[in-house]
Amino acid sequence: MSNPTACLLIIGNEVLSGRTQDANLKFLATRLGEIGIPLREARVIPDIRATIVATINEVRAKFDHVFTTGGIGPTHDDITSECVAEAFGVPWEPQPEAWRRLETHYARQDPPGDFNAARQRMATMPRGAELIDNVVSIAPGFTVGNVHVLAGVPRIMQAMFEALAPTLKGGAPVVSAAVHANGLMEGRIADGLADIQGRYPEIDIGSYPYYRAGGGGVAVVAKGTDADGVKRAAHDVLVFMRACGALPVEGEPA
């Protein structure tokens, strides 16, 4: 049985404008791979209602899991939650448990905070939403169907994901093995790598050139859910690099 697949939607004009650098993709891709849900696609989309709704409906039909980051705060441009409700065709309404948590949180502040209309937006969700706990700043994320809505702030997003992770049913973990060689360029190994890839169709083999003050080289990474296959493919790459006259080393370049 093949592993379930995932897509990530990074939502926010601030990312597209270059004002904010996304820091969530690497974390989610790594953690999802560890639990056997490979990330197959990632998109960055703006805070535009029609775009968010259409994209959610497109990708939730194509992937087993969809993760979104960003757009669930208290301000006017935080519209992800509303858009998920529209995509699923359900009301956007106060979620009782989320409302209780936030109301209690602000009441306990010293001095007590105002659980105002802006903050109430963070407790307003699509009908039927299941909460994703947030141990950092209380306001929860949520899941509707196969769409998991997470915060954009990396520390909060990571906390939400770790709360969600035990509920996700994955497959075999995605593992990888790397081999690198100084002084070896991609053009020298392209044909040989293509041959190795042909022998291991279920393994993703990628080459990544690097440049250092003392000279460049290339790293080759084999990745997949078949641990033995990954190991064999990486070994074949190492043997091939030696045949090219290089001195390959297992692992990523320092």
C-alpha atoms as a PDB file:
ATOM      1  CA  MET A   1       0.000   0.000   0.000  1.00  0.00           C
ATOM      2  CA  SER A   2       1.366   3.405  -0.950  1.00  0.00           C
ATOM      3  CA  ASN A   3       1.928   6.113   1.626  1.00  0.00           C
ATOM      4  CA  PRO A   4      -0.658   8.861   2.110  1.00  0.00           C
ATOM      5  CA  THR A   5       0.363  12.149   0.513  1.00  0.00           C
ATOM      6  CA  ALA A   6       0.298  15.761   1.630  1.00  0.00           C
ATOM      7  CA  CYS A   7       0.168  19.258   0.199  1.00  0.00           C
ATOM      8  CA  LEU A   8       1.112  22.486   1.964  1.00  0.00           C
ATOM      9  CA  LEU A   9      -0.558  25.836   1.307  1.00  0.00           C
ATOM     10  CA  ILE A  10       1.459  28.779   2.626  1.00  0.00           C
ATOM     11  CA  ILE A  11      -1.058  31.595   2.822  1.00  0.00           C
ATOM     12  CA  GLY A  12      -0.071  35.240   3.108  1.00  0.00           C
ATOM     13  CA  ASN A  13       0.649  38.351   1.092  1.00  0.00           C
ATOM     14  CA  GLU A  14       3.652  38.985   3.331  1.00  0.00           C
ATOM     15  CA  VAL A  15       5.390  35.877   2.022  1.00  0.00           C
ATOM     16  CA  LEU A  16       4.687  36.684  -1.622  1.00  0.00           C
ATOM     17  CA  SER A  17       5.906  40.262  -1.165  1.00  0.00           C
ATOM     18  CA  GLY A  18       9.200  39.091   0.313  1.00  0.00           C
ATOM     19  CA  ARG A  19       8.561  40.857   3.606  1.00  0.00           C
ATOM     20  CA  THR A  20       8.394  37.557   5.488  1.00  0.00           C
ATOM     21  CA  GLN A  21      10.554  34.540   4.733  1.00  0.00           C
ATOM     22  CA  ASP A  22       8.680  31.262   5.102  1.00  0.00           C
ATOM     23  CA  ALA A  23      10.213  29.037   7.760  1.00  0.00           C
ATOM     24  CA  ASN A  24       7.538  26.350   7.866  1.00  0.00           C
ATOM     25  CA  LEU A  25       8.055  24.341   4.695  1.00  0.00           C
ATOM     26  CA  LYS A  26      11.282  22.647   5.761  1.00  0.00           C
ATOM     27  CA  PHE A  27       9.910  21.694   9.172  1.00  0.00           C
ATOM     28  CA  LEU A  28       6.676  20.251   7.821  1.00  0.00           C
ATOM     29  CA  ALA A  29       8.341  18.389   4.963  1.00  0.00           C
ATOM     30  CA  THR A  30      10.806  16.804   7.373  1.00  0.00           C
ATOM     31  CA  ARG A  31       8.289  15.877  10.064  1.00  0.00           C
ATOM     32  CA  LEU A  32       5.723  14.564   7.600  1.00  0.00           C
ATOM     33  CA  GLY A  33       8.401  12.417   5.986  1.00  0.00           C
ATOM     34  CA  GLU A  34       9.314  11.005   9.388  1.00  0.00           C
ATOM     35  CA  ILE A  35       5.770   9.802   9.959  1.00  0.00           C
ATOM     36  CA  GLY A  36       5.348   8.473   6.436  1.00  0.00           C
ATOM     37  CA  ILE A  37       3.259  11.203   4.804  1.00  0.00           C
ATOM     38  CA  PRO A  38       5.489  12.595   2.051  1.00  0.00           C
ATOM     39  CA  LEU A  39       4.905  16.207   1.086  1.00  0.00           C
ATOM     40  CA  ARG A  40       4.235  16.135  -2.664  1.00  0.00           C
ATOM     41  CA  GLU A  41       3.406  19.760  -3.332  1.00  0.00           C
ATOM     42  CA  ALA A  42       3.688  23.204  -1.734  1.00  0.00           C
ATOM     43  CA  ARG A  43       2.169  26.460  -2.909  1.00  0.00           C
ATOM     44  CA  VAL A  44       2.353  30.056  -1.728  1.00  0.00           C
ATOM     45  CA  ILE A  45      -0.929  31.882  -2.265  1.00  0.00           C
ATOM     46  CA  PRO A  46      -2.212  35.370  -1.384  1.00  0.00           C
ATOM     47  CA  ASP A  47      -4.818  36.505   1.117  1.00  0.00           C
ATOM     48  CA  ILE A  48      -7.491  36.552  -1.566  1.00  0.00           C
ATOM     49  CA  ARG A  49     -10.721  34.759  -0.718  1.00  0.00           C
ATOM     50  CA  ALA A  50     -11.447  33.328  -4.168  1.00  0.00           C
ATOM     51  CA  THR A  51      -7.881  32.050  -4.550  1.00  0.00           C
ATOM     52  CA  ILE A  52      -7.829  30.386  -1.137  1.00  0.00           C
ATOM     53  CA  VAL A  53     -11.219  28.718  -1.584  1.00  0.00           C
ATOM     54  CA  ALA A  54     -10.462  27.449  -5.082  1.00  0.00           C
ATOM     55  CA  THR A  55      -7.008  26.182  -4.122  1.00  0.00           C
ATOM     56  CA  ILE A  56      -8.253  24.360  -1.025  1.00  0.00           C
ATOM     57  CA  ASN A  57     -10.955  22.622  -3.039  1.00  0.00           C
ATOM     58  CA  GLU A  58      -8.466  21.667  -5.745  1.00  0.00           C
ATOM     59  CA  VAL A  59      -5.787  20.192  -3.508  1.00  0.00           C
ATOM     60  CA  ARG A  60      -8.038  18.485  -0.945  1.00  0.00           C
ATOM     61  CA  ALA A  61      -9.360  16.374  -3.799  1.00  0.00           C
ATOM     62  CA  LYS A  62      -5.846  15.428  -4.942  1.00  0.00           C
ATOM     63  CA  PHE A  63      -4.033  14.716  -1.669  1.00  0.00           C
ATOM     64  CA  ASP A  64      -4.781  12.710   1.446  1.00  0.00           C
ATOM     65  CA  HIS A  65      -3.829  15.620   3.702  1.00  0.00           C
ATOM     66  CA  VAL A  66      -3.714  19.374   3.148  1.00  0.00           C
ATOM     67  CA  PHE A  67      -1.896  21.618   5.615  1.00  0.00           C
ATOM     68  CA  THR A  68      -2.300  25.384   5.612  1.00  0.00           C
ATOM     69  CA  THR A  69      -0.135  27.909   7.430  1.00  0.00           C
ATOM     70  CA  GLY A  70      -1.046  31.516   8.066  1.00  0.00           C
ATOM     71  CA  GLY A  71      -4.147  33.641   8.163  1.00  0.00           C
ATOM     72  CA  ILE A  72      -5.814  32.558  11.426  1.00  0.00           C
ATOM     73  CA  GLY A  73      -5.008  35.562  13.615  1.00  0.00           C
ATOM     74  CA  PRO A  74      -7.328  38.363  14.779  1.00  0.00           C
ATOM     75  CA  THR A  75      -6.904  40.952  12.007  1.00  0.00           C
ATOM     76  CA  HIS A  76      -8.989  41.720   8.931  1.00  0.00           C
ATOM     77  CA  ASP A  77      -6.598  39.977   6.552  1.00  0.00           C
ATOM     78  CA  ASP A  78      -6.704  36.710   8.529  1.00  0.00           C
ATOM     79  CA  ILE A  79      -9.331  35.022   6.370  1.00  0.00           C
ATOM     80  CA  THR A  80      -8.123  31.428   6.117  1.00  0.00           C
ATOM     81  CA  SER A  81     -10.701  30.092   8.571  1.00  0.00           C
ATOM     82  CA  GLU A  82     -13.580  31.778   6.732  1.00  0.00           C
ATOM     83  CA  CYS A  83     -12.285  30.468   3.423  1.00  0.00           C
ATOM     84  CA  VAL A  84     -12.094  26.886   4.678  1.00  0.00           C
ATOM     85  CA  ALA A  85     -15.734  27.154   5.763  1.00  0.00           C
ATOM     86  CA  GLU A  86     -16.688  28.407   2.316  1.00  0.00           C
ATOM     87  CA  ALA A  87     -14.669  25.657   0.611  1.00  0.00           C
ATOM     88  CA  PHE A  88     -16.525  22.990   2.591  1.00  0.00           C
ATOM     89  CA  GLY A  89     -19.878  24.731   2.267  1.00  0.00           C
ATOM     90  CA  VAL A  90     -20.480  25.010   6.012  1.00  0.00           C
ATOM     91  CA  PRO A  91     -21.212  27.982   8.302  1.00  0.00           C
ATOM     92  CA  TRP A  92     -18.388  29.950   9.883  1.00  0.00           C
ATOM     93  CA  GLU A  93     -19.450  30.229  13.495  1.00  0.00           C
ATOM     94  CA  PRO A  94     -18.167  30.341  17.095  1.00  0.00           C
ATOM     95  CA  GLN A  95     -16.560  27.062  18.117  1.00  0.00           C
ATOM     96  CA  PRO A  96     -17.672  26.493  21.728  1.00  0.00           C
ATOM     97  CA  GLU A  97     -14.479  24.959  23.107  1.00  0.00           C
ATOM     98  CA  ALA A  98     -12.188  27.403  21.318  1.00  0.00           C
ATOM     99  CA  TRP A  99     -14.386  30.254  22.585  1.00  0.00           C
ATOM    100  CA  ARG A 100     -14.161  28.933  26.157  1.00  0.00           C
ATOM    101  CA  ARG A 101     -10.384  28.584  26.015  1.00  0.00           C
ATOM    102  CA  LEU A 102      -9.788  32.081  24.690  1.00  0.00           C
ATOM    103  CA  GLU A 103     -12.342  33.773  26.919  1.00  0.00           C
ATOM    104  CA  THR A 104     -10.791  32.074  29.961  1.00  0.00           C
ATOM    105  CA  HIS A 105      -7.271  32.939  28.822  1.00  0.00           C
ATOM    106  CA  TYR A 106      -7.946  36.658  28.492  1.00  0.00           C
ATOM    107  CA  ALA A 107      -9.918  36.775  31.755  1.00  0.00           C
ATOM    108  CA  ARG A 108      -6.931  35.334  33.623  1.00  0.00           C
ATOM    109  CA  GLN A 109      -4.502  37.955  32.370  1.00  0.00           C
ATOM    110  CA  ASP A 110      -3.270  40.576  34.825  1.00  0.00           C
ATOM    111  CA  PRO A 111      -4.878  42.962  34.231  1.00  0.00           C
ATOM    112  CA  PRO A 112      -7.690  40.993  32.531  1.00  0.00           C
ATOM    113  CA  GLY A 113      -7.609  41.254  28.759  1.00  0.00           C
ATOM    114  CA  ASP A 114     -10.519  42.169  26.553  1.00  0.00           C
ATOM    115  CA  PHE A 115     -11.946  39.209  24.643  1.00  0.00           C
ATOM    116  CA  ASN A 116     -12.998  41.620  21.933  1.00  0.00           C
ATOM    117  CA  ALA A 117     -14.426  41.084  18.465  1.00  0.00           C
ATOM    118  CA  ALA A 118     -10.974  40.762  16.907  1.00  0.00           C
ATOM    119  CA  ARG A 119      -9.926  38.037  19.322  1.00  0.00           C
ATOM    120  CA  GLN A 120     -13.272  36.323  18.947  1.00  0.00           C
ATOM    121  CA  ARG A 121     -12.370  35.748  15.295  1.00  0.00           C
ATOM    122  CA  MET A 122      -9.750  33.261  16.486  1.00  0.00           C
ATOM    123  CA  ALA A 123     -12.518  31.201  18.115  1.00  0.00           C
ATOM    124  CA  THR A 124     -14.761  31.342  15.045  1.00  0.00           C
ATOM    125  CA  MET A 125     -14.344  28.327  12.761  1.00  0.00           C
ATOM    126  CA  PRO A 126     -16.083  26.168  10.178  1.00  0.00           C
ATOM    127  CA  ARG A 127     -18.901  24.114  11.653  1.00  0.00           C
ATOM    128  CA  GLY A 128     -17.616  20.685  12.671  1.00  0.00           C
ATOM    129  CA  ALA A 129     -14.003  21.810  13.114  1.00  0.00           C
ATOM    130  CA  GLU A 130     -11.856  19.637  15.377  1.00  0.00           C
ATOM    131  CA  LEU A 131      -9.415  21.672  17.432  1.00  0.00           C
ATOM    132  CA  ILE A 132      -5.633  21.419  17.196  1.00  0.00           C
ATOM    133  CA  ASP A 133      -4.114  22.384  20.550  1.00  0.00           C
ATOM    134  CA  ASN A 134      -1.777  25.350  20.833  1.00  0.00           C
ATOM    135  CA  VAL A 135       0.351  25.228  23.986  1.00  0.00           C
ATOM    136  CA  VAL A 136       2.219  28.398  23.030  1.00  0.00           C
ATOM    137  CA  SER A 137      -0.485  31.055  22.666  1.00  0.00           C
ATOM    138  CA  ILE A 138      -3.769  29.213  23.381  1.00  0.00           C
ATOM    139  CA  ALA A 139      -5.649  30.077  20.163  1.00  0.00           C
ATOM    140  CA  PRO A 140      -6.088  26.668  18.481  1.00  0.00           C
ATOM    141  CA  GLY A 141      -5.779  25.507  14.930  1.00  0.00           C
ATOM    142  CA  PHE A 142      -8.336  23.112  13.537  1.00  0.00           C
ATOM    143  CA  THR A 143      -9.055  20.265  11.157  1.00  0.00           C
ATOM    144  CA  VAL A 144     -12.005  19.980   8.783  1.00  0.00           C
ATOM    145  CA  GLY A 145     -12.091  16.845   6.666  1.00  0.00           C
ATOM    146  CA  ASN A 146      -8.552  16.331   5.398  1.00  0.00           C
ATOM    147  CA  VAL A 147      -7.550  20.002   5.773  1.00  0.00           C
ATOM    148  CA  HIS A 148      -5.412  20.925   8.788  1.00  0.00           C
ATOM    149  CA  VAL A 149      -5.237  24.658   9.503  1.00  0.00           C
ATOM    150  CA  LEU A 150      -2.124  25.810  11.355  1.00  0.00           C
ATOM    151  CA  ALA A 151      -0.686  29.152  12.431  1.00  0.00           C
ATOM    152  CA  GLY A 152       1.914  30.964  10.343  1.00  0.00           C
ATOM    153  CA  VAL A 153       4.254  31.871  13.208  1.00  0.00           C
ATOM    154  CA  PRO A 154       6.835  29.043  13.130  1.00  0.00           C
ATOM    155  CA  ARG A 155       7.002  28.392  16.885  1.00  0.00           C
ATOM    156  CA  ILE A 156       3.227  28.204  17.157  1.00  0.00           C
ATOM    157  CA  MET A 157       2.872  26.185  13.961  1.00  0.00           C
ATOM    158  CA  GLN A 158       5.375  23.623  15.210  1.00  0.00           C
ATOM    159  CA  ALA A 159       3.554  23.263  18.530  1.00  0.00           C
ATOM    160  CA  MET A 160       0.270  22.768  16.706  1.00  0.00           C
ATOM    161  CA  PHE A 161       1.769  20.177  14.387  1.00  0.00           C
ATOM    162  CA  GLU A 162       3.230  18.181  17.264  1.00  0.00           C
ATOM    163  CA  ALA A 163      -0.201  18.156  18.907  1.00  0.00           C
ATOM    164  CA  LEU A 164      -1.755  16.948  15.651  1.00  0.00           C
ATOM    165  CA  ALA A 165       0.932  14.431  14.629  1.00  0.00           C
ATOM    166  CA  PRO A 166      -0.183  11.509  16.845  1.00  0.00           C
ATOM    167  CA  THR A 167      -3.580  11.528  15.110  1.00  0.00           C
ATOM    168  CA  LEU A 168      -2.126  11.282  11.596  1.00  0.00           C
ATOM    169  CA  LYS A 169      -1.939   7.818  10.079  1.00  0.00           C
ATOM    170  CA  GLY A 170       1.165   7.591   7.967  1.00  0.00           C
ATOM    171  CA  GLY A 171       3.028   4.858   6.160  1.00  0.00           C
ATOM    172  CA  ALA A 172       6.637   3.807   6.014  1.00  0.00           C
ATOM    173  CA  PRO A 173       8.942   6.674   7.045  1.00  0.00           C
ATOM    174  CA  VAL A 174      10.775   8.489   4.272  1.00  0.00           C
ATOM    175  CA  VAL A 175      14.506   7.884   4.693  1.00  0.00           C
ATOM    176  CA  SER A 176      17.473   9.288   2.826  1.00  0.00           C
ATOM    177  CA  ALA A 177      21.153   8.654   2.256  1.00  0.00           C
ATOM    178  CA  ALA A 178      23.645  11.112   0.817  1.00  0.00           C
ATOM    179  CA  VAL A 179      27.012  10.787  -0.903  1.00  0.00           C
ATOM    180  CA  HIS A 180      29.180  13.747  -1.876  1.00  0.00           C
ATOM    181  CA  ALA A 181      32.428  14.277  -3.697  1.00  0.00           C
ATOM    182  CA  ASN A 182      34.620  17.352  -3.953  1.00  0.00           C
ATOM    183  CA  GLY A 183      35.804  18.316  -7.400  1.00  0.00           C
ATOM    184  CA  LEU A 184      33.088  16.348  -9.197  1.00  0.00           C
ATOM    185  CA  MET A 185      30.629  18.338 -11.299  1.00  0.00           C
ATOM    186  CA  GLU A 186      27.067  17.427 -12.254  1.00  0.00           C
ATOM    187  CA  GLY A 187      27.810  17.302 -15.973  1.00  0.00           C
ATOM    188  CA  ARG A 188      30.301  14.495 -15.366  1.00  0.00           C
ATOM    189  CA  ILE A 189      27.836  12.266 -13.561  1.00  0.00           C
ATOM    190  CA  ALA A 190      24.504  13.054 -15.248  1.00  0.00           C
ATOM    191  CA  ASP A 191      24.329  10.004 -17.514  1.00  0.00           C
ATOM    192  CA  GLY A 192      25.495   7.606 -14.820  1.00  0.00           C
ATOM    193  CA  LEU A 193      22.959   8.953 -12.340  1.00  0.00           C
ATOM    194  CA  ALA A 194      20.214   8.506 -14.899  1.00  0.00           C
ATOM    195  CA  ASP A 195      21.217   4.854 -15.249  1.00  0.00           C
ATOM    196  CA  ILE A 196      21.130   4.357 -11.472  1.00  0.00           C
ATOM    197  CA  GLN A 197      17.755   6.058 -11.246  1.00  0.00           C
ATOM    198  CA  GLY A 198      16.467   3.644 -13.873  1.00  0.00           C
ATOM    199  CA  ARG A 199      17.489   0.713 -11.680  1.00  0.00           C
ATOM    200  CA  TYR A 200      15.657   2.151  -8.676  1.00  0.00           C
ATOM    201  CA  PRO A 201      12.386   3.617  -9.992  1.00  0.00           C
ATOM    202  CA  GLU A 202      10.838   3.802  -6.515  1.00  0.00           C
ATOM    203  CA  ILE A 203      13.740   5.847  -5.120  1.00  0.00           C
ATOM    204  CA  ASP A 204      14.105   9.588  -5.702  1.00  0.00           C
ATOM    205  CA  ILE A 205      17.701  10.365  -6.635  1.00  0.00           C
ATOM    206  CA  GLY A 206      18.701  14.016  -6.799  1.00  0.00           C
ATOM    207  CA  SER A 207      21.999  15.789  -7.381  1.00  0.00           C
ATOM    208  CA  TYR A 208      22.882  19.048  -5.667  1.00  0.00           C
ATOM    209  CA  PRO A 209      26.020  21.009  -6.596  1.00  0.00           C
ATOM    210  CA  TYR A 210      27.759  22.956  -3.871  1.00  0.00           C
ATOM    211  CA  TYR A 211      30.449  25.595  -3.841  1.00  0.00           C
ATOM    212  CA  ARG A 212      33.062  26.180  -1.172  1.00  0.00           C
ATOM    213  CA  ALA A 213      36.048  28.475  -0.820  1.00  0.00           C
ATOM    214  CA  GLY A 214      38.329  25.536  -1.531  1.00  0.00           C
ATOM    215  CA  GLY A 215      36.355  24.312  -4.538  1.00  0.00           C
ATOM    216  CA  GLY A 216      32.999  22.857  -5.402  1.00  0.00           C
ATOM    217  CA  GLY A 217      31.529  19.427  -5.756  1.00  0.00           C
ATOM    218  CA  VAL A 218      28.250  17.587  -5.899  1.00  0.00           C
ATOM    219  CA  ALA A 219      26.082  15.790  -3.357  1.00  0.00           C
ATOM    220  CA  VAL A 220      23.695  13.053  -4.427  1.00  0.00           C
ATOM    221  CA  VAL A 221      20.748  12.148  -2.217  1.00  0.00           C
ATOM    222  CA  ALA A 222      18.679   8.972  -2.473  1.00  0.00           C
ATOM    223  CA  LYS A 223      15.296   9.191  -0.760  1.00  0.00           C
ATOM    224  CA  GLY A 224      12.315   6.884  -0.402  1.00  0.00           C
ATOM    225  CA  THR A 225      10.291   4.619   1.873  1.00  0.00           C
ATOM    226  CA  ASP A 226      12.280   1.469   1.032  1.00  0.00           C
ATOM    227  CA  ALA A 227      15.212   1.729   3.437  1.00  0.00           C
ATOM    228  CA  ASP A 228      17.141  -1.121   1.810  1.00  0.00           C
ATOM    229  CA  GLY A 229      16.562   0.327  -1.645  1.00  0.00           C
ATOM    230  CA  VAL A 230      17.787   3.728  -0.525  1.00  0.00           C
ATOM    231  CA  LYS A 231      20.917   2.175   0.942  1.00  0.00           C
ATOM    232  CA  ARG A 232      21.639   0.190  -2.226  1.00  0.00           C
ATOM    233  CA  ALA A 233      21.062   3.174  -4.492  1.00  0.00           C
ATOM    234  CA  ALA A 234      23.389   5.359  -2.428  1.00  0.00           C
ATOM    235  CA  HIS A 235      26.033   2.627  -2.524  1.00  0.00           C
ATOM    236  CA  ASP A 236      25.747   2.420  -6.314  1.00  0.00           C
ATOM    237  CA  VAL A 237      26.221   6.189  -6.489  1.00  0.00           C
ATOM    238  CA  LEU A 238      29.336   5.951  -4.328  1.00  0.00           C
ATOM    239  CA  VAL A 239      30.811   3.199  -6.545  1.00  0.00           C
ATOM    240  CA  PHE A 240      29.990   5.212  -9.650  1.00  0.00           C
ATOM    241  CA  MET A 241      31.655   8.355  -8.258  1.00  0.00           C
ATOM    242  CA  ARG A 242      34.779   6.342  -7.541  1.00  0.00           C
ATOM    243  CA  ALA A 243      34.751   5.091 -11.118  1.00  0.00           C
ATOM    244  CA  CYS A 244      34.700   8.743 -12.187  1.00  0.00           C
ATOM    245  CA  GLY A 245      38.000   9.257 -10.360  1.00  0.00           C
ATOM    246  CA  ALA A 246      36.537  11.040  -7.349  1.00  0.00           C
ATOM    247  CA  LEU A 247      36.912  10.281  -3.646  1.00  0.00           C
ATOM    248  CA  PRO A 248      33.264  10.180  -2.511  1.00  0.00           C
ATOM    249  CA  VAL A 249      32.238  10.420   1.119  1.00  0.00           C
ATOM    250  CA  GLU A 250      28.998   9.204   2.656  1.00  0.00           C
ATOM    251  CA  GLY A 251      26.823  11.989   4.061  1.00  0.00           C
ATOM    252  CA  GLU A 252      26.206  15.646   3.251  1.00  0.00           C
ATOM    253  CA  PRO A 253      29.122  18.009   2.649  1.00  0.00           C
ATOM    254  CA  ALA A 254      30.176  19.957   5.741  1.00  0.00           C
END
